[in-house]
C-alpha atoms as a PDB file:
ATOM      1  CA  MET A   1      69.492  44.509-132.669  1.00  0.00           C
ATOM      2  CA  ILE A   2      71.921  41.656-133.183  1.00  0.00           C
ATOM      3  CA  ASN A   3      70.250  38.277-133.602  1.00  0.00           C
ATOM      4  CA  VAL A   4      72.231  35.127-132.996  1.00  0.00           C
ATOM      5  CA  SER A   5      70.755  31.847-134.190  1.00  0.00           C
ATOM      6  CA  ILE A   6      72.186  28.510-133.051  1.00  0.00           C
ATOM      7  CA  VAL A   7      71.033  25.196-134.528  1.00  0.00           C
ATOM      8  CA  ARG A   8      71.699  21.982-132.651  1.00  0.00           C
ATOM      9  CA  SER A   9      71.102  18.352-133.509  1.00  0.00           C
ATOM     10  CA  GLY A  10      71.223  14.950-131.864  1.00  0.00           C
ATOM     11  CA  GLU A  11      70.986  13.878-128.261  1.00  0.00           C
ATOM     12  CA  GLN A  12      74.233  15.638-127.398  1.00  0.00           C
ATOM     13  CA  GLY A  13      72.923  18.974-128.753  1.00  0.00           C
ATOM     14  CA  ARG A  14      75.814  19.282-131.211  1.00  0.00           C
ATOM     15  CA  VAL A  15      76.055  22.740-132.766  1.00  0.00           C
ATOM     16  CA  VAL A  16      75.524  22.263-136.511  1.00  0.00           C
ATOM     17  CA  SER A  17      75.250  25.924-137.572  1.00  0.00           C
ATOM     18  CA  PHE A  18      75.185  29.432-136.333  1.00  0.00           C
ATOM     19  CA  ALA A  19      74.311  32.793-137.800  1.00  0.00           C
ATOM     20  CA  VAL A  20      74.790  36.330-136.471  1.00  0.00           C
ATOM     21  CA  LYS A  21      73.050  39.224-138.149  1.00  0.00           C
ATOM     22  CA  GLY A  22      72.148  42.807-137.535  1.00  0.00           C
ATOM     23  CA  HIS A  23      73.683  45.736-135.716  1.00  0.00           C
ATOM     24  CA  ALA A  24      73.281  46.576-132.056  1.00  0.00           C
ATOM     25  CA  LYS A  25      72.843  50.315-132.560  1.00  0.00           C
ATOM     26  CA  TYR A  26      74.153  50.796-129.027  1.00  0.00           C
ATOM     27  CA  ALA A  27      76.321  53.679-130.299  1.00  0.00           C
ATOM     28  CA  LYS A  28      77.491  55.219-133.554  1.00  0.00           C
ATOM     29  CA  PRO A  29      79.350  52.917-135.968  1.00  0.00           C
ATOM     30  CA  GLY A  30      82.957  52.632-134.892  1.00  0.00           C
ATOM     31  CA  LYS A  31      82.061  53.311-131.257  1.00  0.00           C
ATOM     32  CA  ASP A  32      79.522  50.501-130.701  1.00  0.00           C
ATOM     33  CA  ILE A  33      81.023  48.251-128.021  1.00  0.00           C
ATOM     34  CA  VAL A  34      78.233  45.687-128.328  1.00  0.00           C
ATOM     35  CA  CYS A  35      78.839  45.160-132.065  1.00  0.00           C
ATOM     36  CA  ALA A  36      82.573  45.126-131.464  1.00  0.00           C
ATOM     37  CA  GLY A  37      82.251  42.560-128.694  1.00  0.00           C
ATOM     38  CA  VAL A  38      79.984  40.257-130.677  1.00  0.00           C
ATOM     39  CA  SER A  39      82.231  40.537-133.733  1.00  0.00           C
ATOM     40  CA  ALA A  40      85.343  39.788-131.708  1.00  0.00           C
ATOM     41  CA  VAL A  41      83.744  36.734-130.092  1.00  0.00           C
ATOM     42  CA  THR A  42      82.229  35.217-133.250  1.00  0.00           C
ATOM     43  CA  VAL A  43      85.026  35.979-135.729  1.00  0.00           C
ATOM     44  CA  GLY A  44      87.576  35.036-133.081  1.00  0.00           C
ATOM     45  CA  THR A  45      85.846  31.669-132.584  1.00  0.00           C
ATOM     46  CA  VAL A  46      85.952  30.926-136.339  1.00  0.00           C
ATOM     47  CA  ASN A  47      89.629  31.898-136.384  1.00  0.00           C
ATOM     48  CA  ALA A  48      90.364  29.791-133.298  1.00  0.00           C
ATOM     49  CA  ILE A  49      88.692  26.723-134.839  1.00  0.00           C
ATOM     50  CA  GLU A  50      90.755  27.175-137.973  1.00  0.00           C
ATOM     51  CA  THR A  51      94.031  27.857-136.117  1.00  0.00           C
ATOM     52  CA  LEU A  52      93.774  25.549-133.091  1.00  0.00           C
ATOM     53  CA  ALA A  53      91.771  22.676-134.540  1.00  0.00           C
ATOM     54  CA  GLY A  54      92.937  22.998-138.146  1.00  0.00           C
ATOM     55  CA  VAL A  55      89.347  22.868-139.380  1.00  0.00           C
ATOM     56  CA  GLN A  56      88.314  25.237-142.145  1.00  0.00           C
ATOM     57  CA  LEU A  57      84.703  26.216-141.505  1.00  0.00           C
ATOM     58  CA  PRO A  58      82.501  27.119-144.464  1.00  0.00           C
ATOM     59  CA  ALA A  59      81.897  30.561-143.011  1.00  0.00           C
ATOM     60  CA  GLN A  60      80.346  33.490-144.867  1.00  0.00           C
ATOM     61  CA  MET A  61      80.771  37.057-143.651  1.00  0.00           C
ATOM     62  CA  GLN A  62      79.501  40.427-144.804  1.00  0.00           C
ATOM     63  CA  ASN A  63      78.780  43.704-143.054  1.00  0.00           C
ATOM     64  CA  GLY A  64      76.681  42.804-140.023  1.00  0.00           C
ATOM     65  CA  TRP A  65      76.364  39.141-140.937  1.00  0.00           C
ATOM     66  CA  LEU A  66      78.335  35.963-140.197  1.00  0.00           C
ATOM     67  CA  SER A  67      77.174  32.394-140.648  1.00  0.00           C
ATOM     68  CA  SER A  68      78.657  28.941-140.728  1.00  0.00           C
ATOM     69  CA  ASP A  69      77.586  25.360-141.056  1.00  0.00           C
ATOM     70  CA  ILE A  70      79.654  23.097-138.846  1.00  0.00           C
ATOM     71  CA  PRO A  71      80.697  19.898-140.576  1.00  0.00           C
ATOM     72  CA  GLU A  72      80.560  16.698-138.561  1.00  0.00           C
ATOM     73  CA  LEU A  73      84.134  15.502-138.381  1.00  0.00           C
ATOM     74  CA  PRO A  74      85.001  11.792-138.576  1.00  0.00           C
ATOM     75  CA  ASP A  75      87.568  12.247-135.813  1.00  0.00           C
ATOM     76  CA  ASN A  76      85.547  12.380-132.596  1.00  0.00           C
ATOM     77  CA  GLU A  77      88.337  14.052-130.634  1.00  0.00           C
ATOM     78  CA  LEU A  78      88.704  16.818-133.193  1.00  0.00           C
ATOM     79  CA  ASP A  79      84.929  17.254-133.429  1.00  0.00           C
ATOM     80  CA  GLY A  80      84.850  17.563-129.651  1.00  0.00           C
ATOM     81  CA  LYS A  81      87.455  20.374-129.768  1.00  0.00           C
ATOM     82  CA  VAL A  82      85.411  22.250-132.361  1.00  0.00           C
ATOM     83  CA  GLN A  83      82.262  21.852-130.290  1.00  0.00           C
ATOM     84  CA  LEU A  84      84.068  23.047-127.151  1.00  0.00           C
ATOM     85  CA  LEU A  85      85.192  26.216-128.964  1.00  0.00           C
ATOM     86  CA  LEU A  86      81.596  26.782-130.173  1.00  0.00           C
ATOM     87  CA  GLU A  87      80.215  26.293-126.689  1.00  0.00           C
ATOM     88  CA  SER A  88      82.812  28.763-125.442  1.00  0.00           C
ATOM     89  CA  MET A  89      81.534  31.260-128.008  1.00  0.00           C
ATOM     90  CA  LEU A  90      78.037  30.816-126.640  1.00  0.00           C
ATOM     91  CA  VAL A  91      79.181  31.406-123.052  1.00  0.00           C
ATOM     92  CA  MET A  92      80.843  34.672-124.150  1.00  0.00           C
ATOM     93  CA  LEU A  93      77.776  35.772-126.109  1.00  0.00           C
ATOM     94  CA  ASP A  94      75.527  34.973-123.104  1.00  0.00           C
ATOM     95  CA  THR A  95      77.801  37.162-121.004  1.00  0.00           C
ATOM     96  CA  ILE A  96      77.214  40.040-123.450  1.00  0.00           C
ATOM     97  CA  VAL A  97      73.455  39.398-123.292  1.00  0.00           C
ATOM     98  CA  GLN A  98      73.563  39.662-119.490  1.00  0.00           C
ATOM     99  CA  SER A  99      74.808  43.253-119.744  1.00  0.00           C
ATOM    100  CA  TYR A 100      73.378  44.400-123.058  1.00  0.00           C
ATOM    101  CA  GLY A 101      70.273  42.208-123.586  1.00  0.00           C
ATOM    102  CA  LYS A 102      68.403  45.116-125.130  1.00  0.00           C
ATOM    103  CA  TYR A 103      70.809  45.007-128.085  1.00  0.00           C
ATOM    104  CA  ILE A 104      71.396  41.270-128.651  1.00  0.00           C
ATOM    105  CA  ALA A 105      69.242  38.153-128.626  1.00  0.00           C
ATOM    106  CA  ILE A 106      70.224  34.517-128.879  1.00  0.00           C
ATOM    107  CA  ARG A 107      67.825  31.907-130.192  1.00  0.00           C
ATOM    108  CA  GLU A 108      68.530  28.196-130.216  1.00  0.00           C
ATOM    109  CA  GLU A 109      66.648  25.570-132.154  1.00  0.00           C
ATOM    110  CA  LYS A 110      66.951  21.808-132.180  1.00  0.00           C
ATOM    111  CA  LEU A 111      66.680  19.716-135.342  1.00  0.00           C
END
C-alpha cells in the first residue's frame, strides 16, 4: 500500500511537509498504474514548484519513497503559489484514492 502523509500548521492549514512511501502492489512492477499515477502526481508537483515558482524544495527521493519539508517563504504571493500547487497535488491524489482506495491511503495531521 502507498501511504501519503500530509502535515499542516497554522489556522490556514498550510502544508509544511509531505511524505509518500510504499508500493501499491496493484500490478507487477512496471505495469502498476497506481504507483505510476502517484509518482507522476507527486514528482510532477515537486518539479512544478521548482519550475513555475522557482522554489527549490528540500525533497528526498528513493525507490518507493518521496518526502519534502516545505519552507515558509517570506514572499506571501510566492508562498501562496507553492501552497496552491501542493493543494492541487492533494486533489489529484484524492482522485486516485476514489478509484483505488485499496492501494493508497492519505493521512493528514495538524501541528
